[in-house]
Every structure is written in C-alpha cells, then in structure tokens.
Amino acid sequence: MFFRVKKIGGRGYLQVVENKRLGATVEQRVIASLGRLDHLIESGKLAALVASGAKLVGRKLVDVSPES
C-alpha cells in the first residue's frame, strides 16, 4: 500500500492505494480517500497521520521541514 495524490479539477486529493498482481497485469485499488491535500496539510492532520503510522511500525520520524 502507498499514498497517492490524485489531481482532479486542479486540486490534489490524498488516497491510500493497494497494488494487486493479476497474471501479467497490475491493478490498483483505492483503499481510502483521505481528502484534499491542501486542507490536510493546513490543518496538521497529514502530519498527525504520518506520526501515527510511524508509531505503529516502531520508527522515529525526523523533522525535515524548513526552519522559519
């Protein structure tokens, strides 16, 4: 599974997508649509989602955001 930004009408929407191999072809299936990317970033929900996922897999995150 992975995240994908789907462009629709000039806006980006964040999706969780799964790849599945069927013979010689690969199909993608949208598991969840999480909403508009700009809204998720502005509200801090995207950062919270990534931090939560990192906790589940036992990894630490490094803050790479530019300093203000």
C-alpha atoms as a PDB file:
ATOM      1  CA  MET A   1       0.000   0.000   0.000  1.00  0.00           C
ATOM      2  CA  PHE A   2       1.079   3.548  -0.608  1.00  0.00           C
ATOM      3  CA  PHE A   3      -0.138   7.134  -0.672  1.00  0.00           C
ATOM      4  CA  ARG A   4      -1.018   8.779  -3.965  1.00  0.00           C
ATOM      5  CA  VAL A   5      -2.041  12.318  -4.828  1.00  0.00           C
ATOM      6  CA  LYS A   6      -4.808  12.247  -7.433  1.00  0.00           C
ATOM      7  CA  LYS A   7      -5.272  15.501  -9.362  1.00  0.00           C
ATOM      8  CA  ILE A   8      -8.936  16.313 -10.020  1.00  0.00           C
ATOM      9  CA  GLY A   9     -10.021  19.707 -11.287  1.00  0.00           C
ATOM     10  CA  GLY A  10      -6.671  21.285 -10.418  1.00  0.00           C
ATOM     11  CA  ARG A  11      -6.796  20.085  -6.805  1.00  0.00           C
ATOM     12  CA  GLY A  12      -4.840  17.255  -5.202  1.00  0.00           C
ATOM     13  CA  TYR A  13      -6.633  14.554  -3.203  1.00  0.00           C
ATOM     14  CA  LEU A  14      -4.726  12.125  -0.985  1.00  0.00           C
ATOM     15  CA  GLN A  15      -5.546   8.438  -1.422  1.00  0.00           C
ATOM     16  CA  VAL A  16      -4.315   5.176   0.073  1.00  0.00           C
ATOM     17  CA  VAL A  17      -3.840   2.703  -2.777  1.00  0.00           C
ATOM     18  CA  GLU A  18      -3.096  -1.014  -2.998  1.00  0.00           C
ATOM     19  CA  ASN A  19      -1.401  -2.812  -5.903  1.00  0.00           C
ATOM     20  CA  LYS A  20      -2.502  -6.330  -6.820  1.00  0.00           C
ATOM     21  CA  ARG A  21      -0.897  -8.522  -9.485  1.00  0.00           C
ATOM     22  CA  LEU A  22      -3.343 -10.403 -11.712  1.00  0.00           C
ATOM     23  CA  GLY A  23      -1.335 -12.541 -14.096  1.00  0.00           C
ATOM     24  CA  ALA A  24       0.759 -10.234 -16.248  1.00  0.00           C
ATOM     25  CA  THR A  25      -1.042  -7.049 -15.216  1.00  0.00           C
ATOM     26  CA  VAL A  26      -1.145  -4.998 -12.032  1.00  0.00           C
ATOM     27  CA  GLU A  27      -4.376  -3.443 -10.800  1.00  0.00           C
ATOM     28  CA  GLN A  28      -4.607  -0.571  -8.364  1.00  0.00           C
ATOM     29  CA  ARG A  29      -7.442  -0.294  -5.870  1.00  0.00           C
ATOM     30  CA  VAL A  30      -8.209   2.777  -3.775  1.00  0.00           C
ATOM     31  CA  ILE A  31      -8.452   1.694  -0.136  1.00  0.00           C
ATOM     32  CA  ALA A  32      -9.346   5.149   1.225  1.00  0.00           C
ATOM     33  CA  SER A  33      -9.714   8.723   0.046  1.00  0.00           C
ATOM     34  CA  LEU A  34      -8.424  10.979   2.807  1.00  0.00           C
ATOM     35  CA  GLY A  35      -9.443  14.366   1.411  1.00  0.00           C
ATOM     36  CA  ARG A  36      -7.898  17.415  -0.186  1.00  0.00           C
ATOM     37  CA  LEU A  37      -4.157  17.505   0.313  1.00  0.00           C
ATOM     38  CA  ASP A  38      -4.018  21.267   0.937  1.00  0.00           C
ATOM     39  CA  HIS A  39      -6.656  21.001   3.691  1.00  0.00           C
ATOM     40  CA  LEU A  40      -4.865  18.049   5.324  1.00  0.00           C
ATOM     41  CA  ILE A  41      -1.575  19.958   5.381  1.00  0.00           C
ATOM     42  CA  GLU A  42      -3.075  23.232   6.673  1.00  0.00           C
ATOM     43  CA  SER A  43      -4.995  21.516   9.477  1.00  0.00           C
ATOM     44  CA  GLY A  44      -1.991  19.438  10.618  1.00  0.00           C
ATOM     45  CA  LYS A  45      -3.922  16.211  10.021  1.00  0.00           C
ATOM     46  CA  LEU A  46      -1.391  14.915   7.487  1.00  0.00           C
ATOM     47  CA  ALA A  47       1.497  15.315   9.952  1.00  0.00           C
ATOM     48  CA  ALA A  48      -0.562  13.571  12.640  1.00  0.00           C
ATOM     49  CA  LEU A  49      -1.370  10.695  10.274  1.00  0.00           C
ATOM     50  CA  VAL A  50       2.285  10.187   9.360  1.00  0.00           C
ATOM     51  CA  ALA A  51       3.377  10.360  13.014  1.00  0.00           C
ATOM     52  CA  SER A  52       0.689   7.841  13.984  1.00  0.00           C
ATOM     53  CA  GLY A  53       1.788   5.454  11.234  1.00  0.00           C
ATOM     54  CA  ALA A  54       5.408   5.754  12.334  1.00  0.00           C
ATOM     55  CA  LYS A  55       4.405   4.769  15.890  1.00  0.00           C
ATOM     56  CA  LEU A  56       2.624   1.674  14.599  1.00  0.00           C
ATOM     57  CA  VAL A  57       5.732   0.443  12.788  1.00  0.00           C
ATOM     58  CA  GLY A  58       8.075   1.414  15.615  1.00  0.00           C
ATOM     59  CA  ARG A  59      10.018   4.050  13.692  1.00  0.00           C
ATOM     60  CA  LYS A  60      11.093   7.529  14.671  1.00  0.00           C
ATOM     61  CA  LEU A  61      10.440  10.482  12.393  1.00  0.00           C
ATOM     62  CA  VAL A  62      12.969  13.159  11.571  1.00  0.00           C
ATOM     63  CA  ASP A  63      11.584  16.663  11.079  1.00  0.00           C
ATOM     64  CA  VAL A  64      12.810  17.868   7.686  1.00  0.00           C
ATOM     65  CA  SER A  65      10.615  20.938   7.454  1.00  0.00           C
ATOM     66  CA  PRO A  66      12.450  24.175   6.600  1.00  0.00           C
ATOM     67  CA  GLU A  67      13.176  26.420   9.540  1.00  0.00           C
ATOM     68  CA  SER A  68      11.111  29.592   9.788  1.00  0.00           C
END
